[in-house]
PDB file of all heavy atoms in Angstrom:
ATOM      1  N   TRP A   1      88.314 -32.339 -23.468  1.00  0.00           N
ATOM      2  CA  TRP A   1      88.091 -32.742 -22.076  1.00  0.00           C
ATOM      3  C   TRP A   1      89.366 -32.541 -21.253  1.00  0.00           C
ATOM      4  O   TRP A   1      89.337 -31.938 -20.181  1.00  0.00           O
ATOM      5  CB  TRP A   1      87.648 -34.208 -22.027  1.00  0.00           C
ATOM      6  CG  TRP A   1      87.489 -34.768 -20.643  1.00  0.00           C
ATOM      7  CD1 TRP A   1      88.459 -35.340 -19.881  1.00  0.00           C
ATOM      8  CD2 TRP A   1      86.303 -34.785 -19.853  1.00  0.00           C
ATOM      9  NE1 TRP A   1      87.952 -35.738 -18.665  1.00  0.00           N
ATOM     10  CE2 TRP A   1      86.620 -35.406 -18.627  1.00  0.00           C
ATOM     11  CE3 TRP A   1      84.994 -34.358 -20.060  1.00  0.00           C
ATOM     12  CZ2 TRP A   1      85.696 -35.602 -17.621  1.00  0.00           C
ATOM     13  CZ3 TRP A   1      84.070 -34.561 -19.045  1.00  0.00           C
ATOM     14  CH2 TRP A   1      84.410 -35.173 -17.838  1.00  0.00           C
ATOM     15  N   ASN A   2      90.495 -33.035 -21.768  1.00  0.00           N
ATOM     16  CA  ASN A   2      91.758 -32.946 -21.030  1.00  0.00           C
ATOM     17  C   ASN A   2      92.187 -31.501 -20.776  1.00  0.00           C
ATOM     18  O   ASN A   2      92.638 -31.170 -19.686  1.00  0.00           O
ATOM     19  CB  ASN A   2      92.862 -33.714 -21.753  1.00  0.00           C
ATOM     20  CG  ASN A   2      92.665 -35.214 -21.649  1.00  0.00           C
ATOM     21  OD1 ASN A   2      91.996 -35.706 -20.751  1.00  0.00           O
ATOM     22  ND2 ASN A   2      93.229 -35.939 -22.595  1.00  0.00           N
ATOM     23  N   ARG A   3      92.032 -30.647 -21.789  1.00  0.00           N
ATOM     24  CA  ARG A   3      92.376 -29.233 -21.611  1.00  0.00           C
ATOM     25  C   ARG A   3      91.532 -28.605 -20.512  1.00  0.00           C
ATOM     26  O   ARG A   3      92.027 -27.878 -19.660  1.00  0.00           O
ATOM     27  CB  ARG A   3      92.158 -28.469 -22.928  1.00  0.00           C
ATOM     28  CG  ARG A   3      93.412 -27.949 -23.542  1.00  0.00           C
ATOM     29  CD  ARG A   3      93.203 -27.012 -24.708  1.00  0.00           C
ATOM     30  NE  ARG A   3      91.945 -27.036 -25.407  1.00  0.00           N
ATOM     31  CZ  ARG A   3      91.677 -27.755 -26.496  1.00  0.00           C
ATOM     32  NH1 ARG A   3      92.602 -28.522 -27.026  1.00  0.00           N
ATOM     33  NH2 ARG A   3      90.496 -27.699 -27.060  1.00  0.00           N
ATOM     34  N   ALA A   4      90.241 -28.896 -20.542  1.00  0.00           N
ATOM     35  CA  ALA A   4      89.319 -28.326 -19.541  1.00  0.00           C
ATOM     36  C   ALA A   4      89.627 -28.848 -18.137  1.00  0.00           C
ATOM     37  O   ALA A   4      89.654 -28.081 -17.176  1.00  0.00           O
ATOM     38  CB  ALA A   4      87.877 -28.639 -19.911  1.00  0.00           C
ATOM     39  N   MET A   5      89.877 -30.141 -18.012  1.00  0.00           N
ATOM     40  CA  MET A   5      90.071 -30.742 -16.687  1.00  0.00           C
ATOM     41  C   MET A   5      91.438 -30.452 -16.099  1.00  0.00           C
ATOM     42  O   MET A   5      91.554 -30.166 -14.910  1.00  0.00           O
ATOM     43  CB  MET A   5      89.886 -32.265 -16.750  1.00  0.00           C
ATOM     44  CG  MET A   5      88.499 -32.733 -17.105  1.00  0.00           C
ATOM     45  SD  MET A   5      87.234 -32.204 -15.948  1.00  0.00           S
ATOM     46  CE  MET A   5      86.526 -30.843 -16.847  1.00  0.00           C
ATOM     47  N   TYR A   6      92.477 -30.550 -16.911  1.00  0.00           N
ATOM     48  CA  TYR A   6      93.831 -30.530 -16.357  1.00  0.00           C
ATOM     49  C   TYR A   6      94.584 -29.226 -16.580  1.00  0.00           C
ATOM     50  O   TYR A   6      95.456 -28.886 -15.793  1.00  0.00           O
ATOM     51  CB  TYR A   6      94.635 -31.706 -16.909  1.00  0.00           C
ATOM     52  CG  TYR A   6      93.941 -33.020 -16.619  1.00  0.00           C
ATOM     53  CD1 TYR A   6      93.315 -33.740 -17.632  1.00  0.00           C
ATOM     54  CD2 TYR A   6      93.864 -33.507 -15.317  1.00  0.00           C
ATOM     55  CE1 TYR A   6      92.655 -34.934 -17.355  1.00  0.00           C
ATOM     56  CE2 TYR A   6      93.199 -34.693 -15.035  1.00  0.00           C
ATOM     57  CZ  TYR A   6      92.602 -35.400 -16.063  1.00  0.00           C
ATOM     58  OH  TYR A   6      91.941 -36.556 -15.784  1.00  0.00           O
ATOM     59  N   LEU A   7      94.268 -28.478 -17.622  1.00  0.00           N
ATOM     60  CA  LEU A   7      94.959 -27.209 -17.854  1.00  0.00           C
ATOM     61  C   LEU A   7      94.166 -26.037 -17.301  1.00  0.00           C
ATOM     62  O   LEU A   7      94.678 -25.209 -16.563  1.00  0.00           O
ATOM     63  CB  LEU A   7      95.229 -26.991 -19.350  1.00  0.00           C
ATOM     64  CG  LEU A   7      96.226 -27.963 -19.988  1.00  0.00           C
ATOM     65  CD1 LEU A   7      96.348 -27.696 -21.485  1.00  0.00           C
ATOM     66  CD2 LEU A   7      97.585 -27.858 -19.316  1.00  0.00           C
ATOM     67  N   ARG A   8      92.898 -25.964 -17.673  1.00  0.00           N
ATOM     68  CA  ARG A   8      92.079 -24.819 -17.257  1.00  0.00           C
ATOM     69  C   ARG A   8      91.323 -25.071 -15.963  1.00  0.00           C
ATOM     70  O   ARG A   8      90.778 -24.154 -15.377  1.00  0.00           O
ATOM     71  CB  ARG A   8      91.102 -24.465 -18.370  1.00  0.00           C
ATOM     72  CG  ARG A   8      91.821 -23.917 -19.582  1.00  0.00           C
ATOM     73  CD  ARG A   8      90.823 -23.400 -20.606  1.00  0.00           C
ATOM     74  NE  ARG A   8      91.515 -22.943 -21.781  1.00  0.00           N
ATOM     75  CZ  ARG A   8      91.843 -23.712 -22.812  1.00  0.00           C
ATOM     76  NH1 ARG A   8      91.532 -24.988 -22.790  1.00  0.00           N
ATOM     77  NH2 ARG A   8      92.473 -23.213 -23.849  1.00  0.00           N
ATOM     78  N   GLU A   9      91.238 -26.319 -15.578  1.00  0.00           N
ATOM     79  CA  GLU A   9      90.486 -26.716 -14.387  1.00  0.00           C
ATOM     80  C   GLU A   9      89.079 -26.125 -14.393  1.00  0.00           C
ATOM     81  O   GLU A   9      88.639 -25.480 -13.459  1.00  0.00           O
ATOM     82  CB  GLU A   9      91.262 -26.355 -13.113  1.00  0.00           C
ATOM     83  CG  GLU A   9      92.550 -27.139 -12.994  1.00  0.00           C
ATOM     84  CD  GLU A   9      93.251 -26.965 -11.664  1.00  0.00           C
ATOM     85  OE1 GLU A   9      93.052 -25.937 -10.993  1.00  0.00           O
ATOM     86  OE2 GLU A   9      94.005 -27.885 -11.299  1.00  0.00           O
ATOM     87  N   THR A  10      88.384 -26.395 -15.492  1.00  0.00           N
ATOM     88  CA  THR A  10      86.990 -25.992 -15.648  1.00  0.00           C
ATOM     89  C   THR A  10      86.134 -27.153 -15.156  1.00  0.00           C
ATOM     90  O   THR A  10      85.983 -28.146 -15.845  1.00  0.00           O
ATOM     91  CB  THR A  10      86.667 -25.699 -17.134  1.00  0.00           C
ATOM     92  OG1 THR A  10      87.581 -24.725 -17.613  1.00  0.00           O
ATOM     93  CG2 THR A  10      85.241 -25.217 -17.303  1.00  0.00           C
ATOM     94  N   PHE A  11      85.610 -27.011 -13.957  1.00  0.00           N
ATOM     95  CA  PHE A  11      84.880 -28.121 -13.362  1.00  0.00           C
ATOM     96  C   PHE A  11      83.370 -27.913 -13.313  1.00  0.00           C
ATOM     97  O   PHE A  11      82.629 -28.860 -13.120  1.00  0.00           O
ATOM     98  CB  PHE A  11      85.409 -28.394 -11.956  1.00  0.00           C
ATOM     99  CG  PHE A  11      86.876 -28.713 -11.916  1.00  0.00           C
ATOM    100  CD1 PHE A  11      87.751 -27.907 -11.224  1.00  0.00           C
ATOM    101  CD2 PHE A  11      87.379 -29.807 -12.597  1.00  0.00           C
ATOM    102  CE1 PHE A  11      89.104 -28.190 -11.181  1.00  0.00           C
ATOM    103  CE2 PHE A  11      88.737 -30.100 -12.575  1.00  0.00           C
ATOM    104  CZ  PHE A  11      89.604 -29.286 -11.868  1.00  0.00           C
ATOM    105  N   VAL A  12      82.917 -26.668 -13.457  1.00  0.00           N
ATOM    106  CA  VAL A  12      81.478 -26.384 -13.432  1.00  0.00           C
ATOM    107  C   VAL A  12      81.122 -25.666 -14.722  1.00  0.00           C
ATOM    108  O   VAL A  12      81.755 -24.682 -15.087  1.00  0.00           O
ATOM    109  CB  VAL A  12      81.097 -25.503 -12.215  1.00  0.00           C
ATOM    110  CG1 VAL A  12      79.612 -25.176 -12.232  1.00  0.00           C
ATOM    111  CG2 VAL A  12      81.471 -26.199 -10.908  1.00  0.00           C
ATOM    112  N   ILE A  13      80.114 -26.193 -15.420  1.00  0.00           N
ATOM    113  CA  ILE A  13      79.671 -25.547 -16.656  1.00  0.00           C
ATOM    114  C   ILE A  13      78.159 -25.360 -16.628  1.00  0.00           C
ATOM    115  O   ILE A  13      77.435 -26.146 -16.013  1.00  0.00           O
ATOM    116  CB  ILE A  13      80.087 -26.333 -17.925  1.00  0.00           C
ATOM    117  CG1 ILE A  13      79.552 -27.765 -17.913  1.00  0.00           C
ATOM    118  CG2 ILE A  13      81.600 -26.314 -18.101  1.00  0.00           C
ATOM    119  CD1 ILE A  13      79.793 -28.538 -19.191  1.00  0.00           C
ATOM    120  N   ASP A  14      77.723 -24.308 -17.285  1.00  0.00           N
ATOM    121  CA  ASP A  14      76.295 -24.012 -17.372  1.00  0.00           C
ATOM    122  C   ASP A  14      75.688 -24.874 -18.471  1.00  0.00           C
ATOM    123  O   ASP A  14      76.136 -24.835 -19.607  1.00  0.00           O
ATOM    124  CB  ASP A  14      76.085 -22.533 -17.680  1.00  0.00           C
ATOM    125  CG  ASP A  14      74.622 -22.137 -17.647  1.00  0.00           C
ATOM    126  OD1 ASP A  14      73.785 -22.957 -17.218  1.00  0.00           O
ATOM    127  OD2 ASP A  14      74.322 -21.007 -18.050  1.00  0.00           O
ATOM    128  N   MET A  15      74.701 -25.656 -18.124  1.00  0.00           N
ATOM    129  CA  MET A  15      74.045 -26.542 -19.091  1.00  0.00           C
ATOM    130  C   MET A  15      72.552 -26.258 -19.163  1.00  0.00           C
ATOM    131  O   MET A  15      71.770 -27.110 -19.568  1.00  0.00           O
ATOM    132  CB  MET A  15      74.287 -28.002 -18.691  1.00  0.00           C
ATOM    133  CG  MET A  15      75.726 -28.434 -18.774  1.00  0.00           C
ATOM    134  SD  MET A  15      76.402 -28.396 -20.439  1.00  0.00           S
ATOM    135  CE  MET A  15      75.631 -29.835 -21.152  1.00  0.00           C
ATOM    136  N   GLN A  16      72.145 -25.059 -18.772  1.00  0.00           N
ATOM    137  CA  GLN A  16      70.729 -24.714 -18.703  1.00  0.00           C
ATOM    138  C   GLN A  16      69.996 -25.016 -20.013  1.00  0.00           C
ATOM    139  O   GLN A  16      68.918 -25.573 -20.006  1.00  0.00           O
ATOM    140  CB  GLN A  16      70.577 -23.231 -18.334  1.00  0.00           C
ATOM    141  CG  GLN A  16      69.183 -22.862 -17.907  1.00  0.00           C
ATOM    142  CD  GLN A  16      68.750 -23.565 -16.632  1.00  0.00           C
ATOM    143  OE1 GLN A  16      69.472 -23.599 -15.657  1.00  0.00           O
ATOM    144  NE2 GLN A  16      67.576 -24.144 -16.632  1.00  0.00           N
ATOM    145  N   ARG A  17      70.602 -24.646 -21.135  1.00  0.00           N
ATOM    146  CA  ARG A  17      69.904 -24.838 -22.407  1.00  0.00           C
ATOM    147  C   ARG A  17      69.751 -26.306 -22.796  1.00  0.00           C
ATOM    148  O   ARG A  17      68.917 -26.650 -23.616  1.00  0.00           O
ATOM    149  CB  ARG A  17      70.571 -24.039 -23.522  1.00  0.00           C
ATOM    150  CG  ARG A  17      71.938 -24.502 -23.887  1.00  0.00           C
ATOM    151  CD  ARG A  17      72.607 -23.498 -24.818  1.00  0.00           C
ATOM    152  NE  ARG A  17      73.609 -24.161 -25.615  1.00  0.00           N
ATOM    153  CZ  ARG A  17      73.644 -24.127 -26.915  1.00  0.00           C
ATOM    154  NH1 ARG A  17      72.756 -23.460 -27.592  1.00  0.00           N
ATOM    155  NH2 ARG A  17      74.590 -24.769 -27.565  1.00  0.00           N
ATOM    156  N   TRP A  18      70.552 -27.177 -22.217  1.00  0.00           N
ATOM    157  CA  TRP A  18      70.475 -28.611 -22.514  1.00  0.00           C
ATOM    158  C   TRP A  18      69.810 -29.404 -21.388  1.00  0.00           C
ATOM    159  O   TRP A  18      69.571 -30.592 -21.533  1.00  0.00           O
ATOM    160  CB  TRP A  18      71.887 -29.163 -22.704  1.00  0.00           C
ATOM    161  CG  TRP A  18      72.638 -28.593 -23.844  1.00  0.00           C
ATOM    162  CD1 TRP A  18      73.601 -27.624 -23.778  1.00  0.00           C
ATOM    163  CD2 TRP A  18      72.525 -28.934 -25.219  1.00  0.00           C
ATOM    164  NE1 TRP A  18      74.081 -27.355 -25.031  1.00  0.00           N
ATOM    165  CE2 TRP A  18      73.444 -28.146 -25.932  1.00  0.00           C
ATOM    166  CE3 TRP A  18      71.725 -29.845 -25.922  1.00  0.00           C
ATOM    167  CZ2 TRP A  18      73.596 -28.229 -27.304  1.00  0.00           C
ATOM    168  CZ3 TRP A  18      71.877 -29.933 -27.293  1.00  0.00           C
ATOM    169  CH2 TRP A  18      72.797 -29.134 -27.973  1.00  0.00           C
ATOM    170  N   SER A  19      69.551 -28.781 -20.279  1.00  0.00           N
ATOM    171  CA  SER A  19      69.177 -29.466 -19.057  1.00  0.00           C
ATOM    172  C   SER A  19      67.988 -30.419 -19.202  1.00  0.00           C
ATOM    173  O   SER A  19      68.074 -31.590 -18.849  1.00  0.00           O
ATOM    174  CB  SER A  19      68.894 -28.438 -17.959  1.00  0.00           C
ATOM    175  OG  SER A  19      68.794 -29.071 -16.726  1.00  0.00           O
ATOM    176  N   ASP A  20      66.863 -29.921 -19.707  1.00  0.00           N
ATOM    177  CA  ASP A  20      65.662 -30.761 -19.803  1.00  0.00           C
ATOM    178  C   ASP A  20      65.859 -31.939 -20.747  1.00  0.00           C
ATOM    179  O   ASP A  20      65.475 -33.066 -20.442  1.00  0.00           O
ATOM    180  CB  ASP A  20      64.459 -29.924 -20.255  1.00  0.00           C
ATOM    181  CG  ASP A  20      64.044 -28.918 -19.200  1.00  0.00           C
ATOM    182  OD1 ASP A  20      64.384 -29.121 -18.018  1.00  0.00           O
ATOM    183  OD2 ASP A  20      63.383 -27.923 -19.558  1.00  0.00           O
ATOM    184  N   VAL A  21      66.464 -31.684 -21.888  1.00  0.00           N
ATOM    185  CA  VAL A  21      66.693 -32.742 -22.883  1.00  0.00           C
ATOM    186  C   VAL A  21      67.613 -33.810 -22.310  1.00  0.00           C
ATOM    187  O   VAL A  21      67.324 -35.010 -22.418  1.00  0.00           O
ATOM    188  CB  VAL A  21      67.296 -32.151 -24.178  1.00  0.00           C
ATOM    189  CG1 VAL A  21      67.752 -33.243 -25.123  1.00  0.00           C
ATOM    190  CG2 VAL A  21      66.302 -31.226 -24.848  1.00  0.00           C
ATOM    191  N   LEU A  22      68.703 -33.378 -21.708  1.00  0.00           N
ATOM    192  CA  LEU A  22      69.650 -34.350 -21.160  1.00  0.00           C
ATOM    193  C   LEU A  22      69.025 -35.194 -20.066  1.00  0.00           C
ATOM    194  O   LEU A  22      69.232 -36.413 -20.019  1.00  0.00           O
ATOM    195  CB  LEU A  22      70.904 -33.644 -20.638  1.00  0.00           C
ATOM    196  CG  LEU A  22      71.840 -33.113 -21.702  1.00  0.00           C
ATOM    197  CD1 LEU A  22      72.997 -32.353 -21.058  1.00  0.00           C
ATOM    198  CD2 LEU A  22      72.367 -34.220 -22.590  1.00  0.00           C
ATOM    199  N   HIS A  23      68.254 -34.575 -19.197  1.00  0.00           N
ATOM    200  CA  HIS A  23      67.640 -35.332 -18.104  1.00  0.00           C
ATOM    201  C   HIS A  23      66.687 -36.403 -18.635  1.00  0.00           C
ATOM    202  O   HIS A  23      66.800 -37.576 -18.272  1.00  0.00           O
ATOM    203  CB  HIS A  23      66.905 -34.396 -17.145  1.00  0.00           C
ATOM    204  CG  HIS A  23      66.116 -35.113 -16.107  1.00  0.00           C
ATOM    205  ND1 HIS A  23      66.697 -35.987 -15.207  1.00  0.00           N
ATOM    206  CD2 HIS A  23      64.797 -35.123 -15.828  1.00  0.00           C
ATOM    207  CE1 HIS A  23      65.758 -36.488 -14.424  1.00  0.00           C
ATOM    208  NE2 HIS A  23      64.605 -35.979 -14.782  1.00  0.00           N
ATOM    209  N   SER A  24      65.778 -36.014 -19.500  1.00  0.00           N
ATOM    210  CA  SER A  24      64.797 -36.988 -19.991  1.00  0.00           C
ATOM    211  C   SER A  24      65.453 -38.088 -20.821  1.00  0.00           C
ATOM    212  O   SER A  24      65.125 -39.263 -20.673  1.00  0.00           O
ATOM    213  CB  SER A  24      63.697 -36.291 -20.798  1.00  0.00           C
ATOM    214  OG  SER A  24      64.236 -35.742 -21.985  1.00  0.00           O
TER     215      SER A  24
END
């Protein structure tokens, strides 16, 4: 998490394959 947020600044990720499961 820290590497993504503070070093790479990855703020948007594709979650299409998990989207329906995560929502429900």
